[in-house]
Amino acid sequence: MTEEEILLTPQGKVKLEAELEHLRTVKRPQVAQQLRRSIEEGDLTENIGYEDAKHEQSFVEGRILTLETLFKKAVVVEGATTSDTVGFGSWVTVMERGGGEEVFQIVGSAEVDPGNSRISNESPLGKALLDHRVGDEVAVEAPDGVLHFEILDIR
């Protein structure tokens, strides 16, 4: 992988494409309509609706640009072909020493979603898990010290 490449799972690509399409076809026209209504109200110097719409427009256009740039650098990587070792796209069940089981999917940085157990292949834990097998223990340097995880399952 070159530094320019952004790794995506096939599912991540579909999700980000849907977001881009929504921004272009739904959000952008909504914001444009908000701006038109605010301008029609007159005096823009004291028009909070206009300011809100301008901020929303800035966010939407920025996100569209970010996604368009991402897709220019994107490389879709099919999920791991073997469940013997942890690879990009793998779902990994681990148990932290002294803790409970956790399940993570190893994804690229553009798809990270900790709330849905998706961690980056570039994160300390993601890096530590790559290329290991069930039964292996990996050590991860964390601000509170070294954490130890045992790999229980790979799918």
N, C-alpha and C. Protein backbone atom coordinates (compact mmCIF):
# COMPACT_ATOMS: atom_id res chain seq x y z
N MET A 1 0.84 -1.18 0.00
CA MET A 1 0.00 0.00 0.00
C MET A 1 0.89 1.24 0.00
N THR A 2 0.59 2.17 -0.87
CA THR A 2 1.32 3.43 -0.86
C THR A 2 0.65 4.36 0.13
N GLU A 3 1.33 5.42 0.50
CA GLU A 3 0.77 6.37 1.45
C GLU A 3 -0.44 7.08 0.90
N GLU A 4 -0.54 7.15 -0.42
CA GLU A 4 -1.67 7.82 -1.05
C GLU A 4 -2.93 6.97 -1.01
N GLU A 5 -2.81 5.65 -0.94
CA GLU A 5 -3.96 4.76 -1.00
C GLU A 5 -4.77 4.81 0.30
N ILE A 6 -6.09 4.73 0.13
CA ILE A 6 -6.99 4.64 1.27
C ILE A 6 -7.72 3.32 1.13
N LEU A 7 -7.53 2.42 2.09
CA LEU A 7 -8.13 1.10 2.02
C LEU A 7 -9.59 1.14 2.45
N LEU A 8 -10.43 0.45 1.69
CA LEU A 8 -11.85 0.33 2.00
C LEU A 8 -12.27 -1.12 1.87
N THR A 9 -13.20 -1.53 2.72
CA THR A 9 -13.85 -2.81 2.51
C THR A 9 -14.93 -2.58 1.45
N PRO A 10 -15.40 -3.63 0.79
CA PRO A 10 -16.49 -3.43 -0.18
C PRO A 10 -17.72 -2.79 0.47
N GLN A 11 -18.05 -3.22 1.69
CA GLN A 11 -19.21 -2.65 2.38
C GLN A 11 -18.98 -1.18 2.71
N GLY A 12 -17.76 -0.84 3.11
CA GLY A 12 -17.44 0.55 3.42
C GLY A 12 -17.55 1.43 2.20
N LYS A 13 -17.13 0.91 1.05
CA LYS A 13 -17.23 1.68 -0.19
C LYS A 13 -18.69 1.97 -0.51
N VAL A 14 -19.53 0.96 -0.39
CA VAL A 14 -20.96 1.12 -0.68
C VAL A 14 -21.57 2.17 0.26
N LYS A 15 -21.23 2.09 1.54
CA LYS A 15 -21.77 3.03 2.53
C LYS A 15 -21.33 4.47 2.23
N LEU A 16 -20.06 4.65 1.91
CA LEU A 16 -19.55 6.00 1.62
C LEU A 16 -20.10 6.53 0.29
N GLU A 17 -20.29 5.64 -0.69
CA GLU A 17 -20.91 6.07 -1.95
C GLU A 17 -22.35 6.54 -1.71
N ALA A 18 -23.06 5.82 -0.85
CA ALA A 18 -24.44 6.21 -0.53
C ALA A 18 -24.47 7.56 0.18
N GLU A 19 -23.52 7.78 1.08
CA GLU A 19 -23.44 9.06 1.77
C GLU A 19 -23.18 10.19 0.77
N LEU A 20 -22.25 9.97 -0.15
CA LEU A 20 -21.92 10.99 -1.15
C LEU A 20 -23.14 11.29 -2.03
N GLU A 21 -23.83 10.27 -2.45
CA GLU A 21 -25.02 10.46 -3.29
C GLU A 21 -26.09 11.24 -2.52
N HIS A 22 -26.28 10.92 -1.25
CA HIS A 22 -27.26 11.63 -0.41
C HIS A 22 -26.89 13.11 -0.27
N LEU A 23 -25.61 13.37 -0.03
CA LEU A 23 -25.17 14.76 0.10
C LEU A 23 -25.40 15.54 -1.18
N ARG A 24 -25.10 14.92 -2.32
CA ARG A 24 -25.25 15.60 -3.61
C ARG A 24 -26.71 15.81 -4.00
N THR A 25 -27.55 14.80 -3.79
CA THR A 25 -28.90 14.85 -4.33
C THR A 25 -29.97 15.31 -3.33
N VAL A 26 -29.68 15.20 -2.03
CA VAL A 26 -30.67 15.57 -1.02
C VAL A 26 -30.21 16.78 -0.21
N LYS A 27 -29.06 16.65 0.45
CA LYS A 27 -28.61 17.71 1.37
C LYS A 27 -28.26 19.01 0.64
N ARG A 28 -27.53 18.90 -0.46
CA ARG A 28 -27.12 20.11 -1.19
C ARG A 28 -28.34 20.91 -1.64
N PRO A 29 -29.35 20.29 -2.26
CA PRO A 29 -30.55 21.06 -2.64
C PRO A 29 -31.31 21.61 -1.42
N GLN A 30 -31.35 20.87 -0.32
CA GLN A 30 -32.02 21.36 0.88
C GLN A 30 -31.35 22.63 1.40
N VAL A 31 -30.03 22.61 1.45
CA VAL A 31 -29.29 23.77 1.94
C VAL A 31 -29.46 24.94 0.99
N ALA A 32 -29.44 24.69 -0.30
CA ALA A 32 -29.65 25.77 -1.28
C ALA A 32 -31.03 26.41 -1.08
N GLN A 33 -32.03 25.59 -0.82
CA GLN A 33 -33.38 26.11 -0.56
C GLN A 33 -33.40 26.95 0.72
N GLN A 34 -32.72 26.48 1.76
CA GLN A 34 -32.63 27.25 3.00
C GLN A 34 -31.99 28.61 2.75
N LEU A 35 -30.93 28.63 1.97
CA LEU A 35 -30.25 29.89 1.65
C LEU A 35 -31.19 30.83 0.89
N ARG A 36 -31.89 30.28 -0.09
CA ARG A 36 -32.82 31.12 -0.86
C ARG A 36 -33.89 31.73 0.05
N ARG A 37 -34.47 30.92 0.93
CA ARG A 37 -35.49 31.44 1.85
C ARG A 37 -34.93 32.52 2.75
N SER A 38 -33.73 32.29 3.26
CA SER A 38 -33.11 33.28 4.16
C SER A 38 -32.82 34.58 3.44
N ILE A 39 -32.36 34.50 2.21
CA ILE A 39 -32.06 35.71 1.42
C ILE A 39 -33.35 36.48 1.15
N GLU A 40 -34.43 35.76 0.88
CA GLU A 40 -35.71 36.41 0.62
C GLU A 40 -36.24 37.16 1.84
N GLU A 41 -35.80 36.77 3.04
CA GLU A 41 -36.24 37.44 4.27
C GLU A 41 -35.62 38.82 4.43
N GLY A 42 -34.61 39.13 3.62
CA GLY A 42 -34.01 40.46 3.68
C GLY A 42 -32.79 40.51 4.58
N ASP A 43 -32.54 41.66 5.19
CA ASP A 43 -31.39 41.99 6.03
C ASP A 43 -30.58 40.78 6.51
N LEU A 44 -29.53 40.47 5.76
CA LEU A 44 -28.71 39.30 6.06
C LEU A 44 -27.78 39.52 7.25
N THR A 45 -27.56 40.74 7.66
CA THR A 45 -26.64 41.00 8.76
C THR A 45 -27.18 40.48 10.09
N GLU A 46 -28.49 40.39 10.23
CA GLU A 46 -29.07 39.90 11.48
C GLU A 46 -29.91 38.65 11.26
N ASN A 47 -29.65 37.94 10.19
CA ASN A 47 -30.46 36.78 9.84
C ASN A 47 -29.75 35.51 10.29
N ILE A 48 -30.17 34.96 11.42
CA ILE A 48 -29.55 33.75 11.98
C ILE A 48 -29.77 32.56 11.04
N GLY A 49 -30.93 32.48 10.41
CA GLY A 49 -31.20 31.39 9.48
C GLY A 49 -30.21 31.37 8.33
N TYR A 50 -29.84 32.56 7.86
CA TYR A 50 -28.87 32.66 6.78
C TYR A 50 -27.51 32.15 7.25
N GLU A 51 -27.09 32.59 8.44
CA GLU A 51 -25.80 32.13 8.99
C GLU A 51 -25.78 30.62 9.17
N ASP A 52 -26.86 30.06 9.70
CA ASP A 52 -26.95 28.61 9.89
C ASP A 52 -26.86 27.89 8.54
N ALA A 53 -27.57 28.41 7.56
CA ALA A 53 -27.56 27.79 6.23
C ALA A 53 -26.17 27.86 5.60
N LYS A 54 -25.46 28.97 5.78
CA LYS A 54 -24.10 29.11 5.25
C LYS A 54 -23.16 28.10 5.92
N HIS A 55 -23.31 27.92 7.24
CA HIS A 55 -22.48 26.94 7.95
C HIS A 55 -22.80 25.52 7.46
N GLU A 56 -24.07 25.23 7.30
CA GLU A 56 -24.49 23.91 6.80
C GLU A 56 -23.96 23.68 5.39
N GLN A 57 -24.03 24.72 4.55
CA GLN A 57 -23.52 24.60 3.19
C GLN A 57 -22.02 24.31 3.21
N SER A 58 -21.31 24.99 4.07
CA SER A 58 -19.86 24.78 4.19
C SER A 58 -19.56 23.34 4.61
N PHE A 59 -20.31 22.83 5.57
CA PHE A 59 -20.10 21.45 6.02
C PHE A 59 -20.39 20.46 4.90
N VAL A 60 -21.52 20.62 4.23
CA VAL A 60 -21.93 19.70 3.17
C VAL A 60 -20.90 19.71 2.03
N GLU A 61 -20.51 20.90 1.59
CA GLU A 61 -19.55 20.98 0.49
C GLU A 61 -18.19 20.41 0.90
N GLY A 62 -17.79 20.65 2.14
CA GLY A 62 -16.53 20.10 2.64
C GLY A 62 -16.55 18.58 2.67
N ARG A 63 -17.68 18.01 3.13
CA ARG A 63 -17.79 16.55 3.20
C ARG A 63 -17.82 15.95 1.80
N ILE A 64 -18.51 16.60 0.87
CA ILE A 64 -18.53 16.12 -0.52
C ILE A 64 -17.11 16.10 -1.08
N LEU A 65 -16.38 17.18 -0.88
CA LEU A 65 -14.99 17.25 -1.36
C LEU A 65 -14.13 16.17 -0.72
N THR A 66 -14.30 15.96 0.59
CA THR A 66 -13.54 14.92 1.29
C THR A 66 -13.82 13.55 0.69
N LEU A 67 -15.09 13.24 0.47
CA LEU A 67 -15.44 11.93 -0.08
C LEU A 67 -14.96 11.77 -1.52
N GLU A 68 -15.07 12.82 -2.33
CA GLU A 68 -14.59 12.74 -3.71
C GLU A 68 -13.08 12.49 -3.73
N THR A 69 -12.35 13.15 -2.86
CA THR A 69 -10.90 12.96 -2.77
C THR A 69 -10.59 11.54 -2.28
N LEU A 70 -11.35 11.09 -1.31
CA LEU A 70 -11.16 9.74 -0.78
C LEU A 70 -11.31 8.70 -1.89
N PHE A 71 -12.36 8.84 -2.71
CA PHE A 71 -12.59 7.86 -3.77
C PHE A 71 -11.50 7.87 -4.83
N LYS A 72 -10.83 8.99 -5.03
CA LYS A 72 -9.72 9.04 -5.98
C LYS A 72 -8.54 8.21 -5.49
N LYS A 73 -8.42 8.08 -4.17
CA LYS A 73 -7.30 7.35 -3.57
C LYS A 73 -7.70 5.97 -3.06
N ALA A 74 -8.97 5.63 -3.17
CA ALA A 74 -9.49 4.40 -2.57
C ALA A 74 -9.04 3.14 -3.30
N VAL A 75 -8.73 2.14 -2.51
CA VAL A 75 -8.44 0.81 -3.01
C VAL A 75 -9.35 -0.12 -2.22
N VAL A 76 -10.23 -0.83 -2.93
CA VAL A 76 -11.14 -1.75 -2.27
C VAL A 76 -10.41 -3.07 -2.07
N VAL A 77 -10.41 -3.51 -0.82
CA VAL A 77 -9.74 -4.76 -0.46
C VAL A 77 -10.82 -5.74 -0.03
N GLU A 78 -10.90 -6.84 -0.75
CA GLU A 78 -11.86 -7.87 -0.36
C GLU A 78 -11.48 -8.38 1.02
N GLY A 79 -12.45 -8.89 1.73
CA GLY A 79 -12.19 -9.43 3.08
C GLY A 79 -11.14 -10.51 3.04
N ALA A 80 -10.63 -10.83 4.20
CA ALA A 80 -9.60 -11.85 4.32
C ALA A 80 -10.11 -13.14 3.69
N THR A 81 -9.27 -13.78 2.88
CA THR A 81 -9.68 -15.00 2.20
C THR A 81 -9.55 -16.21 3.11
N THR A 82 -8.81 -16.08 4.16
CA THR A 82 -8.65 -17.17 5.10
C THR A 82 -8.94 -16.67 6.50
N SER A 83 -9.49 -17.53 7.31
CA SER A 83 -9.75 -17.12 8.69
C SER A 83 -8.66 -17.64 9.62
N ASP A 84 -7.55 -18.12 9.05
CA ASP A 84 -6.43 -18.61 9.87
C ASP A 84 -5.69 -17.47 10.54
N THR A 85 -5.57 -16.34 9.83
CA THR A 85 -4.87 -15.19 10.40
C THR A 85 -5.73 -13.95 10.25
N VAL A 86 -5.49 -12.99 11.11
CA VAL A 86 -6.21 -11.72 11.07
C VAL A 86 -5.70 -10.91 9.88
N GLY A 87 -6.63 -10.44 9.07
CA GLY A 87 -6.28 -9.61 7.93
C GLY A 87 -7.25 -8.44 7.82
N PHE A 88 -7.04 -7.63 6.81
CA PHE A 88 -7.93 -6.50 6.56
C PHE A 88 -9.33 -7.04 6.29
N GLY A 89 -10.32 -6.51 6.98
CA GLY A 89 -11.70 -6.94 6.82
C GLY A 89 -12.12 -8.05 7.77
N SER A 90 -11.17 -8.66 8.47
CA SER A 90 -11.50 -9.73 9.41
C SER A 90 -12.30 -9.22 10.59
N TRP A 91 -13.20 -10.07 11.08
CA TRP A 91 -13.85 -9.86 12.37
C TRP A 91 -13.08 -10.70 13.36
N VAL A 92 -12.63 -10.07 14.45
CA VAL A 92 -11.77 -10.73 15.42
C VAL A 92 -12.40 -10.65 16.80
N THR A 93 -12.50 -11.80 17.46
CA THR A 93 -12.97 -11.83 18.84
C THR A 93 -11.73 -11.93 19.73
N VAL A 94 -11.59 -11.00 20.66
CA VAL A 94 -10.44 -10.97 21.56
C VAL A 94 -10.93 -10.89 23.00
N MET A 95 -10.02 -11.25 23.90
CA MET A 95 -10.30 -11.07 25.32
C MET A 95 -9.09 -10.38 25.93
N GLU A 96 -9.36 -9.22 26.51
CA GLU A 96 -8.29 -8.50 27.19
C GLU A 96 -8.01 -9.20 28.51
N ARG A 97 -6.74 -9.31 28.85
CA ARG A 97 -6.36 -9.93 30.11
C ARG A 97 -7.12 -9.24 31.24
N GLY A 98 -7.88 -10.01 31.99
CA GLY A 98 -8.64 -9.46 33.10
C GLY A 98 -9.94 -8.79 32.68
N GLY A 99 -10.32 -8.93 31.42
CA GLY A 99 -11.53 -8.28 30.92
C GLY A 99 -12.43 -9.27 30.21
N GLY A 100 -13.43 -8.75 29.53
CA GLY A 100 -14.37 -9.58 28.80
C GLY A 100 -14.04 -9.66 27.33
N GLU A 101 -14.86 -10.45 26.62
CA GLU A 101 -14.68 -10.60 25.18
C GLU A 101 -15.14 -9.34 24.45
N GLU A 102 -14.43 -9.02 23.36
CA GLU A 102 -14.81 -7.93 22.48
C GLU A 102 -14.62 -8.40 21.05
N VAL A 103 -15.44 -7.89 20.15
CA VAL A 103 -15.35 -8.25 18.74
C VAL A 103 -15.08 -6.98 17.95
N PHE A 104 -14.12 -7.05 17.04
CA PHE A 104 -13.76 -5.92 16.20
C PHE A 104 -13.64 -6.35 14.76
N GLN A 105 -13.94 -5.42 13.84
CA GLN A 105 -13.61 -5.64 12.44
C GLN A 105 -12.45 -4.71 12.12
N ILE A 106 -11.47 -5.24 11.41
CA ILE A 106 -10.30 -4.46 11.01
C ILE A 106 -10.64 -3.79 9.67
N VAL A 107 -10.69 -2.46 9.66
CA VAL A 107 -11.04 -1.69 8.47
C VAL A 107 -10.02 -0.58 8.24
N GLY A 108 -10.15 0.12 7.13
CA GLY A 108 -9.28 1.27 6.85
C GLY A 108 -9.71 2.48 7.66
N SER A 109 -8.86 3.47 7.71
CA SER A 109 -9.10 4.66 8.53
C SER A 109 -10.36 5.43 8.11
N ALA A 110 -10.77 5.33 6.86
CA ALA A 110 -11.96 6.04 6.40
C ALA A 110 -13.25 5.40 6.88
N GLU A 111 -13.17 4.16 7.38
CA GLU A 111 -14.36 3.42 7.80
C GLU A 111 -14.47 3.27 9.32
N VAL A 112 -13.54 3.81 10.05
CA VAL A 112 -13.52 3.62 11.51
C VAL A 112 -14.85 4.04 12.12
N ASP A 113 -15.36 3.18 12.98
CA ASP A 113 -16.62 3.44 13.68
C ASP A 113 -16.58 2.64 14.98
N PRO A 114 -15.91 3.17 16.01
CA PRO A 114 -15.76 2.42 17.26
C PRO A 114 -17.09 1.99 17.87
N GLY A 115 -18.13 2.78 17.70
CA GLY A 115 -19.44 2.44 18.23
C GLY A 115 -20.02 1.18 17.60
N ASN A 116 -19.54 0.84 16.42
CA ASN A 116 -19.97 -0.37 15.72
C ASN A 116 -18.83 -1.37 15.59
N SER A 117 -17.85 -1.25 16.48
CA SER A 117 -16.74 -2.22 16.60
C SER A 117 -15.85 -2.28 15.37
N ARG A 118 -15.74 -1.18 14.65
CA ARG A 118 -14.87 -1.14 13.46
C ARG A 118 -13.65 -0.30 13.80
N ILE A 119 -12.47 -0.95 13.84
CA ILE A 119 -11.24 -0.27 14.21
C ILE A 119 -10.28 -0.26 13.02
N SER A 120 -9.42 0.73 13.00
CA SER A 120 -8.50 0.93 11.89
C SER A 120 -7.36 -0.08 11.92
N ASN A 121 -6.96 -0.50 10.74
CA ASN A 121 -5.77 -1.33 10.60
C ASN A 121 -4.51 -0.55 10.99
N GLU A 122 -4.63 0.76 11.13
CA GLU A 122 -3.49 1.61 11.51
C GLU A 122 -3.48 1.93 13.00
N SER A 123 -4.55 1.56 13.73
CA SER A 123 -4.62 1.81 15.16
C SER A 123 -3.67 0.86 15.88
N PRO A 124 -3.27 1.19 17.10
CA PRO A 124 -2.37 0.28 17.82
C PRO A 124 -2.93 -1.15 17.94
N LEU A 125 -4.20 -1.29 18.29
CA LEU A 125 -4.78 -2.63 18.40
C LEU A 125 -4.90 -3.29 17.03
N GLY A 126 -5.37 -2.53 16.04
CA GLY A 126 -5.50 -3.09 14.70
C GLY A 126 -4.17 -3.60 14.17
N LYS A 127 -3.12 -2.80 14.31
CA LYS A 127 -1.78 -3.21 13.86
C LYS A 127 -1.32 -4.46 14.59
N ALA A 128 -1.55 -4.48 15.91
CA ALA A 128 -1.08 -5.61 16.73
C ALA A 128 -1.78 -6.91 16.33
N LEU A 129 -3.05 -6.84 15.95
CA LEU A 129 -3.81 -8.05 15.62
C LEU A 129 -3.46 -8.63 14.25
N LEU A 130 -3.09 -7.77 13.30
CA LEU A 130 -2.83 -8.23 11.93
C LEU A 130 -1.81 -9.36 11.90
N ASP A 131 -2.12 -10.36 11.07
CA ASP A 131 -1.25 -11.51 10.80
C ASP A 131 -1.10 -12.47 11.97
N HIS A 132 -1.91 -12.33 13.01
CA HIS A 132 -1.87 -13.27 14.13
C HIS A 132 -2.99 -14.30 14.00
N ARG A 133 -2.89 -15.36 14.79
CA ARG A 133 -3.82 -16.49 14.72
C ARG A 133 -4.60 -16.64 16.02
N VAL A 134 -5.64 -17.48 15.96
CA VAL A 134 -6.40 -17.81 17.16
C VAL A 134 -5.43 -18.42 18.18
N GLY A 135 -5.55 -17.97 19.41
CA GLY A 135 -4.67 -18.44 20.49
C GLY A 135 -3.48 -17.53 20.74
N ASP A 136 -3.14 -16.70 19.75
CA ASP A 136 -2.02 -15.77 19.94
C ASP A 136 -2.42 -14.69 20.94
N GLU A 137 -1.42 -14.20 21.65
CA GLU A 137 -1.63 -13.05 22.53
C GLU A 137 -0.83 -11.89 21.94
N VAL A 138 -1.48 -10.74 21.88
CA VAL A 138 -0.80 -9.55 21.35
C VAL A 138 -0.73 -8.50 22.45
N ALA A 139 0.32 -7.73 22.42
CA ALA A 139 0.51 -6.64 23.38
C ALA A 139 0.31 -5.32 22.65
N VAL A 140 -0.41 -4.42 23.30
CA VAL A 140 -0.71 -3.12 22.70
C VAL A 140 -0.29 -2.03 23.68
N GLU A 141 0.55 -1.12 23.20
CA GLU A 141 0.98 0.01 24.02
C GLU A 141 -0.16 1.02 24.09
N ALA A 142 -0.57 1.33 25.31
CA ALA A 142 -1.65 2.29 25.55
C ALA A 142 -1.17 3.34 26.54
N PRO A 143 -1.86 4.47 26.63
CA PRO A 143 -1.44 5.51 27.57
C PRO A 143 -1.33 5.01 29.02
N ASP A 144 -2.17 4.04 29.37
CA ASP A 144 -2.14 3.50 30.74
C ASP A 144 -1.16 2.36 30.90
N GLY A 145 -0.43 2.02 29.87
CA GLY A 145 0.51 0.90 29.93
C GLY A 145 0.21 -0.10 28.84
N VAL A 146 0.86 -1.25 28.92
CA VAL A 146 0.70 -2.28 27.91
C VAL A 146 -0.54 -3.12 28.23
N LEU A 147 -1.39 -3.30 27.20
CA LEU A 147 -2.58 -4.13 27.31
C LEU A 147 -2.32 -5.43 26.55
N HIS A 148 -2.84 -6.54 27.07
CA HIS A 148 -2.65 -7.84 26.45
C HIS A 148 -3.99 -8.41 26.03
N PHE A 149 -4.06 -8.85 24.77
CA PHE A 149 -5.29 -9.42 24.22
C PHE A 149 -5.00 -10.80 23.67
N GLU A 150 -5.88 -11.75 23.96
CA GLU A 150 -5.80 -13.08 23.37
C GLU A 150 -6.83 -13.16 22.25
N ILE A 151 -6.41 -13.69 21.11
CA ILE A 151 -7.32 -13.84 19.97
C ILE A 151 -8.09 -15.15 20.16
N LEU A 152 -9.44 -15.01 20.23
CA LEU A 152 -10.30 -16.16 20.46
C LEU A 152 -10.92 -16.71 19.18
N ASP A 153 -11.19 -15.83 18.21
CA ASP A 153 -11.85 -16.25 16.99
C ASP A 153 -11.57 -15.25 15.87
N ILE A 154 -11.51 -15.75 14.66
CA ILE A 154 -11.32 -14.92 13.47
C ILE A 154 -12.34 -15.38 12.45
N ARG A 155 -13.08 -14.44 11.89
CA ARG A 155 -14.00 -14.78 10.80
C ARG A 155 -13.98 -13.70 9.75
